[in-house]
Amino acid sequence: MPDKILESFLERQFDEGMSLAAASDSLKLAALDAQHYLAAFECKGLVMGPGGEIQPSDHFEAGIYFAPNHLRRLDPPSVVTWIGPLNIWHPNVRPPYVCLGHMTAGVGLVEIIYQLHEIITWRRFTAHDALNWDAATWANRNRHLFPVDDRPLKRRGLALTFREKEAEA
């Protein structure tokens, strides 16, 4: 028997996620099915080069999965899977794992996408509870470099238009 509440949630996630992608210059979002998404970000982040140097990169990908029990119980490692690049340099990413921080059951697609964007662009990092301790140590010494990309995920003009429409309603 299908779960009508979950189906409604998944439909809303699709609509909201595709709306965000349409309003973004840096997000490409593909729905693989109702529960699986591929989020590709064209924004500046950091990777470790072949010689150990930290260098910029501009393409990052993560998979997002909503389990059948997502609205009741959250298993954070199964929600987001880091796809690439595998040499990403960030305290909260150790492929295939990503630590987005505190999440609750029912966390939505748009919130996950914003958190991933904040991690990639170094607007968000946790050095005290890291998945990559070398990156955490480096981050503590180089806080002056962040964020590495200060462009918003959503185009500002559209964000203002949306807020104006909300105010009219």
N, C-alpha and C. Protein backbone atom coordinates (compact mmCIF):
# COMPACT_ATOMS: atom_id res chain seq x y z
N MET A 1 0.85 -1.19 0.00
CA MET A 1 0.00 0.00 0.00
C MET A 1 0.89 1.25 0.00
N PRO A 2 0.70 2.16 -0.95
CA PRO A 2 1.52 3.35 -1.01
C PRO A 2 1.27 4.27 0.18
N ASP A 3 2.31 4.95 0.59
CA ASP A 3 2.24 5.91 1.69
C ASP A 3 1.91 7.28 1.09
N LYS A 4 0.66 7.70 1.21
CA LYS A 4 0.19 8.95 0.59
C LYS A 4 0.90 10.18 1.15
N ILE A 5 1.24 10.15 2.43
CA ILE A 5 1.94 11.28 3.04
C ILE A 5 3.35 11.39 2.45
N LEU A 6 4.05 10.27 2.33
CA LEU A 6 5.38 10.28 1.74
C LEU A 6 5.30 10.71 0.27
N GLU A 7 4.33 10.20 -0.46
CA GLU A 7 4.18 10.58 -1.87
C GLU A 7 3.98 12.08 -2.01
N SER A 8 3.16 12.66 -1.16
CA SER A 8 2.92 14.10 -1.19
C SER A 8 4.20 14.86 -0.87
N PHE A 9 4.92 14.39 0.15
CA PHE A 9 6.21 15.00 0.51
C PHE A 9 7.17 14.96 -0.68
N LEU A 10 7.29 13.80 -1.32
CA LEU A 10 8.23 13.65 -2.44
C LEU A 10 7.82 14.53 -3.62
N GLU A 11 6.53 14.66 -3.88
CA GLU A 11 6.08 15.56 -4.96
C GLU A 11 6.47 17.00 -4.66
N ARG A 12 6.29 17.41 -3.41
CA ARG A 12 6.65 18.77 -3.00
C ARG A 12 8.16 18.99 -3.10
N GLN A 13 8.95 17.97 -2.74
CA GLN A 13 10.41 18.11 -2.83
C GLN A 13 10.82 18.30 -4.29
N PHE A 14 10.21 17.53 -5.18
CA PHE A 14 10.51 17.66 -6.60
C PHE A 14 10.19 19.08 -7.09
N ASP A 15 8.99 19.55 -6.79
CA ASP A 15 8.58 20.89 -7.24
C ASP A 15 9.49 21.98 -6.69
N GLU A 16 9.76 21.92 -5.40
CA GLU A 16 10.60 22.95 -4.77
C GLU A 16 12.04 22.87 -5.26
N GLY A 17 12.56 21.66 -5.41
CA GLY A 17 13.93 21.49 -5.89
C GLY A 17 14.10 21.98 -7.31
N MET A 18 13.17 21.65 -8.19
CA MET A 18 13.26 22.09 -9.58
C MET A 18 13.08 23.60 -9.69
N SER A 19 12.26 24.17 -8.83
CA SER A 19 12.08 25.62 -8.80
C SER A 19 13.39 26.30 -8.40
N LEU A 20 14.05 25.76 -7.38
CA LEU A 20 15.34 26.32 -6.96
C LEU A 20 16.36 26.20 -8.08
N ALA A 21 16.44 25.04 -8.73
CA ALA A 21 17.40 24.85 -9.82
C ALA A 21 17.14 25.84 -10.95
N ALA A 22 15.87 26.10 -11.25
CA ALA A 22 15.53 27.04 -12.31
C ALA A 22 15.94 28.47 -11.96
N ALA A 23 16.00 28.77 -10.68
CA ALA A 23 16.36 30.12 -10.22
C ALA A 23 17.84 30.24 -9.85
N SER A 24 18.63 29.23 -10.20
CA SER A 24 20.04 29.21 -9.82
C SER A 24 20.93 29.15 -11.05
N ASP A 25 22.03 29.90 -10.99
CA ASP A 25 23.04 29.82 -12.05
C ASP A 25 24.05 28.73 -11.77
N SER A 26 24.06 28.20 -10.55
CA SER A 26 25.11 27.25 -10.19
C SER A 26 24.62 25.86 -9.83
N LEU A 27 23.31 25.62 -9.84
CA LEU A 27 22.77 24.32 -9.48
C LEU A 27 22.11 23.66 -10.67
N LYS A 28 22.50 22.43 -10.93
CA LYS A 28 21.80 21.57 -11.88
C LYS A 28 21.27 20.41 -11.05
N LEU A 29 19.98 20.16 -11.14
CA LEU A 29 19.35 19.12 -10.32
C LEU A 29 18.63 18.14 -11.23
N ALA A 30 18.93 16.87 -11.04
CA ALA A 30 18.27 15.82 -11.81
C ALA A 30 17.57 14.88 -10.85
N ALA A 31 16.30 14.63 -11.12
CA ALA A 31 15.54 13.65 -10.35
C ALA A 31 15.70 12.31 -11.06
N LEU A 32 16.35 11.37 -10.39
CA LEU A 32 16.53 10.04 -10.97
C LEU A 32 15.26 9.22 -10.85
N ASP A 33 14.53 9.46 -9.77
CA ASP A 33 13.18 8.95 -9.53
C ASP A 33 12.63 9.79 -8.39
N ALA A 34 11.51 9.40 -7.81
CA ALA A 34 10.89 10.23 -6.78
C ALA A 34 11.72 10.37 -5.51
N GLN A 35 12.64 9.42 -5.28
CA GLN A 35 13.41 9.42 -4.04
C GLN A 35 14.89 9.75 -4.22
N HIS A 36 15.40 9.76 -5.44
CA HIS A 36 16.83 9.95 -5.70
C HIS A 36 17.08 11.17 -6.58
N TYR A 37 18.04 11.99 -6.15
CA TYR A 37 18.41 13.19 -6.90
C TYR A 37 19.92 13.24 -7.07
N LEU A 38 20.32 13.88 -8.16
CA LEU A 38 21.72 14.21 -8.38
C LEU A 38 21.81 15.72 -8.43
N ALA A 39 22.58 16.29 -7.51
CA ALA A 39 22.78 17.74 -7.46
C ALA A 39 24.20 18.05 -7.92
N ALA A 40 24.30 18.85 -8.97
CA ALA A 40 25.60 19.27 -9.48
C ALA A 40 25.73 20.78 -9.26
N PHE A 41 26.83 21.17 -8.66
CA PHE A 41 27.07 22.56 -8.32
C PHE A 41 28.22 23.11 -9.16
N GLU A 42 27.97 24.22 -9.84
CA GLU A 42 29.00 24.92 -10.61
C GLU A 42 29.34 26.18 -9.82
N CYS A 43 30.15 25.99 -8.79
CA CYS A 43 30.57 27.09 -7.94
C CYS A 43 31.99 26.78 -7.46
N LYS A 44 32.63 27.78 -6.89
CA LYS A 44 34.01 27.61 -6.48
C LYS A 44 34.08 26.92 -5.11
N GLY A 45 34.88 25.86 -5.06
CA GLY A 45 35.19 25.15 -3.84
C GLY A 45 36.66 24.75 -3.89
N LEU A 46 37.06 23.90 -2.98
CA LEU A 46 38.48 23.52 -2.91
C LEU A 46 38.66 22.01 -3.04
N VAL A 47 39.79 21.66 -3.65
CA VAL A 47 40.20 20.27 -3.77
C VAL A 47 41.68 20.18 -3.44
N MET A 48 42.14 18.96 -3.16
CA MET A 48 43.57 18.75 -2.96
C MET A 48 44.14 18.25 -4.29
N GLY A 49 45.12 19.00 -4.80
CA GLY A 49 45.75 18.64 -6.06
C GLY A 49 46.64 17.42 -5.91
N PRO A 50 47.14 16.90 -7.04
CA PRO A 50 47.97 15.69 -7.02
C PRO A 50 49.26 15.84 -6.23
N GLY A 51 49.75 17.06 -6.11
CA GLY A 51 50.97 17.30 -5.35
C GLY A 51 50.72 17.70 -3.91
N GLY A 52 49.45 17.63 -3.46
CA GLY A 52 49.11 17.98 -2.09
C GLY A 52 48.74 19.44 -1.91
N GLU A 53 48.74 20.22 -2.98
CA GLU A 53 48.38 21.63 -2.88
C GLU A 53 46.85 21.79 -2.87
N ILE A 54 46.38 22.78 -2.14
CA ILE A 54 44.96 23.09 -2.08
C ILE A 54 44.67 24.06 -3.21
N GLN A 55 43.71 23.70 -4.06
CA GLN A 55 43.43 24.52 -5.24
C GLN A 55 41.93 24.61 -5.49
N PRO A 56 41.51 25.64 -6.22
CA PRO A 56 40.08 25.78 -6.50
C PRO A 56 39.60 24.78 -7.55
N SER A 57 38.33 24.48 -7.47
CA SER A 57 37.64 23.66 -8.45
C SER A 57 36.25 24.26 -8.60
N ASP A 58 35.58 23.96 -9.70
CA ASP A 58 34.29 24.60 -9.91
C ASP A 58 33.16 23.64 -10.28
N HIS A 59 33.34 22.36 -10.00
CA HIS A 59 32.26 21.40 -10.25
C HIS A 59 32.24 20.35 -9.14
N PHE A 60 31.07 20.20 -8.51
CA PHE A 60 30.90 19.28 -7.39
C PHE A 60 29.56 18.57 -7.54
N GLU A 61 29.51 17.30 -7.11
CA GLU A 61 28.27 16.53 -7.23
C GLU A 61 28.00 15.71 -5.98
N ALA A 62 26.71 15.64 -5.66
CA ALA A 62 26.27 14.83 -4.52
C ALA A 62 24.95 14.17 -4.88
N GLY A 63 24.74 12.99 -4.33
CA GLY A 63 23.48 12.29 -4.48
C GLY A 63 22.65 12.50 -3.23
N ILE A 64 21.35 12.61 -3.40
CA ILE A 64 20.43 12.82 -2.28
C ILE A 64 19.35 11.75 -2.37
N TYR A 65 19.07 11.12 -1.23
CA TYR A 65 18.12 10.00 -1.19
C TYR A 65 17.13 10.18 -0.04
N PHE A 66 15.86 10.02 -0.36
CA PHE A 66 14.81 10.04 0.65
C PHE A 66 14.31 8.61 0.84
N ALA A 67 14.68 8.01 1.96
CA ALA A 67 14.29 6.63 2.26
C ALA A 67 12.78 6.56 2.52
N PRO A 68 12.22 5.37 2.40
CA PRO A 68 10.78 5.21 2.65
C PRO A 68 10.34 5.69 4.03
N ASN A 69 11.23 5.65 5.02
CA ASN A 69 10.87 6.09 6.37
C ASN A 69 11.45 7.48 6.69
N HIS A 70 11.80 8.27 5.67
CA HIS A 70 12.44 9.57 5.86
C HIS A 70 11.65 10.52 6.76
N LEU A 71 10.34 10.44 6.71
CA LEU A 71 9.51 11.36 7.51
C LEU A 71 9.44 10.95 8.98
N ARG A 72 9.85 9.73 9.28
CA ARG A 72 9.77 9.23 10.66
C ARG A 72 11.13 9.08 11.33
N ARG A 73 12.12 8.72 10.54
CA ARG A 73 13.45 8.42 11.10
C ARG A 73 14.50 8.85 10.09
N LEU A 74 15.55 9.48 10.58
CA LEU A 74 16.60 9.96 9.69
C LEU A 74 17.88 9.18 9.91
N ASP A 75 18.45 8.71 8.82
CA ASP A 75 19.76 8.07 8.83
C ASP A 75 20.69 8.97 8.01
N PRO A 76 21.33 9.98 8.65
CA PRO A 76 22.09 11.00 7.91
C PRO A 76 23.07 10.45 6.88
N PRO A 77 23.84 9.38 7.17
CA PRO A 77 24.78 8.92 6.13
C PRO A 77 24.10 8.42 4.86
N SER A 78 22.83 8.04 4.94
CA SER A 78 22.16 7.54 3.74
C SER A 78 21.48 8.65 2.95
N VAL A 79 21.32 9.84 3.54
CA VAL A 79 20.60 10.92 2.86
C VAL A 79 21.46 11.55 1.77
N VAL A 80 22.73 11.84 2.09
CA VAL A 80 23.62 12.50 1.13
C VAL A 80 24.83 11.61 0.90
N THR A 81 25.17 11.42 -0.37
CA THR A 81 26.36 10.68 -0.76
C THR A 81 27.21 11.59 -1.64
N TRP A 82 28.46 11.79 -1.24
CA TRP A 82 29.36 12.62 -2.04
C TRP A 82 29.79 11.82 -3.27
N ILE A 83 29.61 12.42 -4.44
CA ILE A 83 29.96 11.75 -5.69
C ILE A 83 31.30 12.26 -6.24
N GLY A 84 31.49 13.56 -6.21
CA GLY A 84 32.77 14.04 -6.72
C GLY A 84 32.91 15.54 -6.67
N PRO A 85 34.11 16.01 -6.79
CA PRO A 85 35.33 15.21 -6.95
C PRO A 85 35.70 14.52 -5.64
N LEU A 86 36.37 13.40 -5.78
CA LEU A 86 36.74 12.62 -4.59
C LEU A 86 37.85 13.29 -3.79
N ASN A 87 38.55 14.22 -4.40
CA ASN A 87 39.63 14.92 -3.69
C ASN A 87 39.16 16.26 -3.11
N ILE A 88 37.85 16.39 -2.87
CA ILE A 88 37.33 17.62 -2.25
C ILE A 88 38.08 17.88 -0.95
N TRP A 89 38.31 19.14 -0.69
CA TRP A 89 39.03 19.55 0.52
C TRP A 89 38.06 20.30 1.41
N HIS A 90 37.55 19.62 2.41
CA HIS A 90 36.62 20.23 3.36
C HIS A 90 36.55 19.36 4.61
N PRO A 91 36.51 19.99 5.79
CA PRO A 91 36.45 19.21 7.04
C PRO A 91 35.23 18.32 7.16
N ASN A 92 34.12 18.68 6.51
CA ASN A 92 32.87 17.95 6.69
C ASN A 92 32.56 16.97 5.56
N VAL A 93 33.57 16.70 4.72
CA VAL A 93 33.38 15.74 3.63
C VAL A 93 34.55 14.78 3.60
N ARG A 94 34.22 13.51 3.64
CA ARG A 94 35.17 12.43 3.41
C ARG A 94 34.42 11.41 2.56
N PRO A 95 34.59 11.55 1.22
CA PRO A 95 33.79 10.72 0.31
C PRO A 95 33.78 9.25 0.72
N PRO A 96 32.59 8.67 0.70
CA PRO A 96 31.31 9.16 0.18
C PRO A 96 30.46 9.89 1.23
N TYR A 97 31.02 10.19 2.39
CA TYR A 97 30.24 10.77 3.49
C TYR A 97 30.32 12.29 3.52
N VAL A 98 29.19 12.88 3.91
CA VAL A 98 29.08 14.32 4.08
C VAL A 98 28.36 14.55 5.40
N CYS A 99 28.90 15.42 6.24
CA CYS A 99 28.22 15.78 7.48
C CYS A 99 27.63 17.18 7.28
N LEU A 100 26.30 17.23 7.17
CA LEU A 100 25.62 18.52 7.00
C LEU A 100 25.34 19.19 8.33
N GLY A 101 25.60 18.52 9.42
CA GLY A 101 25.27 19.06 10.72
C GLY A 101 23.94 18.47 11.18
N HIS A 102 23.29 19.16 12.07
CA HIS A 102 22.05 18.66 12.65
C HIS A 102 20.93 18.65 11.61
N MET A 103 20.35 17.48 11.40
CA MET A 103 19.19 17.33 10.53
C MET A 103 18.13 16.55 11.29
N THR A 104 16.90 16.79 10.94
CA THR A 104 15.81 16.06 11.57
C THR A 104 15.06 15.24 10.52
N ALA A 105 14.30 14.28 10.97
CA ALA A 105 13.46 13.50 10.06
C ALA A 105 12.60 14.46 9.26
N GLY A 106 12.46 14.19 7.98
CA GLY A 106 11.64 15.04 7.13
C GLY A 106 12.37 16.23 6.54
N VAL A 107 13.69 16.32 6.74
CA VAL A 107 14.43 17.44 6.15
C VAL A 107 14.19 17.44 4.65
N GLY A 108 13.99 18.65 4.10
CA GLY A 108 13.62 18.78 2.71
C GLY A 108 14.80 18.91 1.76
N LEU A 109 14.51 18.70 0.50
CA LEU A 109 15.52 18.76 -0.55
C LEU A 109 16.19 20.12 -0.65
N VAL A 110 15.42 21.18 -0.61
CA VAL A 110 15.99 22.52 -0.74
C VAL A 110 16.93 22.82 0.41
N GLU A 111 16.57 22.44 1.63
CA GLU A 111 17.45 22.67 2.78
C GLU A 111 18.76 21.89 2.61
N ILE A 112 18.67 20.67 2.15
CA ILE A 112 19.88 19.87 1.93
C ILE A 112 20.76 20.51 0.86
N ILE A 113 20.15 20.97 -0.22
CA ILE A 113 20.91 21.61 -1.30
C ILE A 113 21.61 22.87 -0.80
N TYR A 114 20.91 23.70 -0.04
CA TYR A 114 21.54 24.92 0.51
C TYR A 114 22.71 24.55 1.42
N GLN A 115 22.54 23.53 2.24
CA GLN A 115 23.63 23.13 3.14
C GLN A 115 24.83 22.62 2.35
N LEU A 116 24.59 21.85 1.30
CA LEU A 116 25.69 21.38 0.46
C LEU A 116 26.41 22.56 -0.19
N HIS A 117 25.65 23.52 -0.69
CA HIS A 117 26.25 24.72 -1.30
C HIS A 117 27.11 25.48 -0.29
N GLU A 118 26.62 25.61 0.92
CA GLU A 118 27.39 26.30 1.96
C GLU A 118 28.67 25.56 2.30
N ILE A 119 28.64 24.24 2.26
CA ILE A 119 29.84 23.46 2.52
C ILE A 119 30.83 23.62 1.37
N ILE A 120 30.37 23.44 0.15
CA ILE A 120 31.26 23.53 -1.01
C ILE A 120 31.95 24.88 -1.06
N THR A 121 31.21 25.95 -0.84
CA THR A 121 31.76 27.31 -0.95
C THR A 121 32.46 27.79 0.32
N TRP A 122 32.53 26.95 1.31
CA TRP A 122 33.18 27.25 2.58
C TRP A 122 32.48 28.36 3.36
N ARG A 123 31.17 28.44 3.25
CA ARG A 123 30.40 29.31 4.13
C ARG A 123 30.14 28.59 5.45
N ARG A 124 30.23 27.27 5.40
CA ARG A 124 29.95 26.45 6.58
C ARG A 124 31.02 25.38 6.71
N PHE A 125 31.56 25.27 7.89
CA PHE A 125 32.41 24.13 8.20
C PHE A 125 32.50 23.97 9.69
N THR A 126 32.70 22.73 10.10
CA THR A 126 32.87 22.42 11.51
C THR A 126 34.22 21.75 11.65
N ALA A 127 35.14 22.45 12.30
CA ALA A 127 36.49 21.92 12.45
C ALA A 127 36.63 21.06 13.71
N HIS A 128 35.73 21.21 14.68
CA HIS A 128 35.87 20.47 15.94
C HIS A 128 35.29 19.05 15.87
N ASP A 129 34.46 18.78 14.87
CA ASP A 129 33.84 17.46 14.74
C ASP A 129 33.93 17.04 13.28
N ALA A 130 35.16 16.94 12.80
CA ALA A 130 35.40 16.80 11.36
C ALA A 130 35.45 15.35 10.89
N LEU A 131 35.13 15.19 9.61
CA LEU A 131 35.35 13.92 8.93
C LEU A 131 36.77 13.89 8.34
N ASN A 132 37.29 15.05 8.01
CA ASN A 132 38.63 15.17 7.44
C ASN A 132 39.44 16.09 8.36
N TRP A 133 40.22 15.49 9.25
CA TRP A 133 40.96 16.26 10.25
C TRP A 133 42.06 17.12 9.64
N ASP A 134 42.68 16.66 8.56
CA ASP A 134 43.69 17.48 7.90
C ASP A 134 43.07 18.76 7.36
N ALA A 135 41.91 18.65 6.74
CA ALA A 135 41.22 19.84 6.24
C ALA A 135 40.77 20.73 7.39
N ALA A 136 40.38 20.14 8.51
CA ALA A 136 39.96 20.93 9.67
C ALA A 136 41.13 21.74 10.22
N THR A 137 42.27 21.12 10.33
CA THR A 137 43.46 21.83 10.81
C THR A 137 43.82 22.96 9.87
N TRP A 138 43.80 22.66 8.57
CA TRP A 138 44.09 23.68 7.56
C TRP A 138 43.07 24.82 7.64
N ALA A 139 41.80 24.50 7.80
CA ALA A 139 40.74 25.50 7.88
C ALA A 139 40.94 26.44 9.06
N ASN A 140 41.33 25.90 10.20
CA ASN A 140 41.55 26.75 11.37
C ASN A 140 42.67 27.76 11.14
N ARG A 141 43.64 27.40 10.32
CA ARG A 141 44.76 28.31 10.02
C ARG A 141 44.44 29.28 8.88
N ASN A 142 43.39 29.01 8.13
CA ASN A 142 43.13 29.79 6.92
C ASN A 142 41.72 30.37 6.86
N ARG A 143 41.16 30.69 8.00
CA ARG A 143 39.80 31.23 8.05
C ARG A 143 39.63 32.50 7.22
N HIS A 144 40.69 33.22 7.02
CA HIS A 144 40.62 34.47 6.25
C HIS A 144 40.30 34.24 4.77
N LEU A 145 40.38 33.00 4.30
CA LEU A 145 40.13 32.69 2.89
C LEU A 145 38.66 32.41 2.58
N PHE A 146 37.82 32.36 3.61
CA PHE A 146 36.44 31.91 3.42
C PHE A 146 35.46 33.07 3.44
N PRO A 147 34.37 32.96 2.70
CA PRO A 147 34.03 31.88 1.78
C PRO A 147 34.88 31.96 0.52
N VAL A 148 35.05 30.84 -0.15
CA VAL A 148 35.84 30.84 -1.38
C VAL A 148 34.99 31.27 -2.57
N ASP A 149 33.68 31.25 -2.43
CA ASP A 149 32.76 31.74 -3.46
C ASP A 149 31.61 32.39 -2.72
N ASP A 150 31.41 33.69 -2.94
CA ASP A 150 30.36 34.38 -2.20
C ASP A 150 29.10 34.62 -3.03
N ARG A 151 29.02 34.00 -4.20
CA ARG A 151 27.81 34.13 -5.01
C ARG A 151 26.68 33.33 -4.36
N PRO A 152 25.47 33.87 -4.40
CA PRO A 152 24.34 33.13 -3.81
C PRO A 152 23.94 31.95 -4.68
N LEU A 153 23.34 30.96 -4.07
CA LEU A 153 22.84 29.81 -4.81
C LEU A 153 21.68 30.22 -5.71
N LYS A 154 20.82 31.07 -5.20
CA LYS A 154 19.65 31.53 -5.95
C LYS A 154 19.90 32.96 -6.43
N ARG A 155 19.59 33.23 -7.69
CA ARG A 155 19.78 34.58 -8.21
C ARG A 155 19.00 35.57 -7.35
N ARG A 156 19.65 36.66 -7.00
CA ARG A 156 19.03 37.64 -6.09
C ARG A 156 17.76 38.25 -6.65
N GLY A 157 17.73 38.60 -7.92
CA GLY A 157 16.55 39.21 -8.52
C GLY A 157 15.33 38.34 -8.37
N LEU A 158 15.50 37.04 -8.58
CA LEU A 158 14.38 36.12 -8.43
C LEU A 158 14.00 35.95 -6.97
N ALA A 159 15.01 35.97 -6.09
CA ALA A 159 14.71 35.83 -4.67
C ALA A 159 13.89 37.02 -4.20
N LEU A 160 14.22 38.23 -4.66
CA LEU A 160 13.46 39.41 -4.27
C LEU A 160 12.04 39.33 -4.84
N THR A 161 11.92 38.91 -6.08
CA THR A 161 10.61 38.79 -6.69
C THR A 161 9.75 37.81 -5.90
N PHE A 162 10.32 36.69 -5.49
CA PHE A 162 9.59 35.71 -4.71
C PHE A 162 9.13 36.30 -3.38
N ARG A 163 10.02 37.02 -2.69
CA ARG A 163 9.67 37.63 -1.41
C ARG A 163 8.56 38.66 -1.60
N GLU A 164 8.65 39.43 -2.68
CA GLU A 164 7.61 40.43 -2.95
C GLU A 164 6.27 39.74 -3.17
N LYS A 165 6.25 38.61 -3.90
CA LYS A 165 5.02 37.88 -4.14
C LYS A 165 4.45 37.32 -2.85
N GLU A 166 5.35 36.86 -1.95
CA GLU A 166 4.89 36.36 -0.65
C GLU A 166 4.23 37.46 0.15
N ALA A 167 4.81 38.67 0.10
CA ALA A 167 4.28 39.81 0.85
C ALA A 167 2.89 40.22 0.34
N GLU A 168 2.69 40.06 -0.97
CA GLU A 168 1.38 40.40 -1.54
C GLU A 168 0.31 39.41 -1.14
N ALA A 169 0.70 38.18 -0.88
CA ALA A 169 -0.31 37.12 -0.61
C ALA A 169 -0.93 37.25 0.76
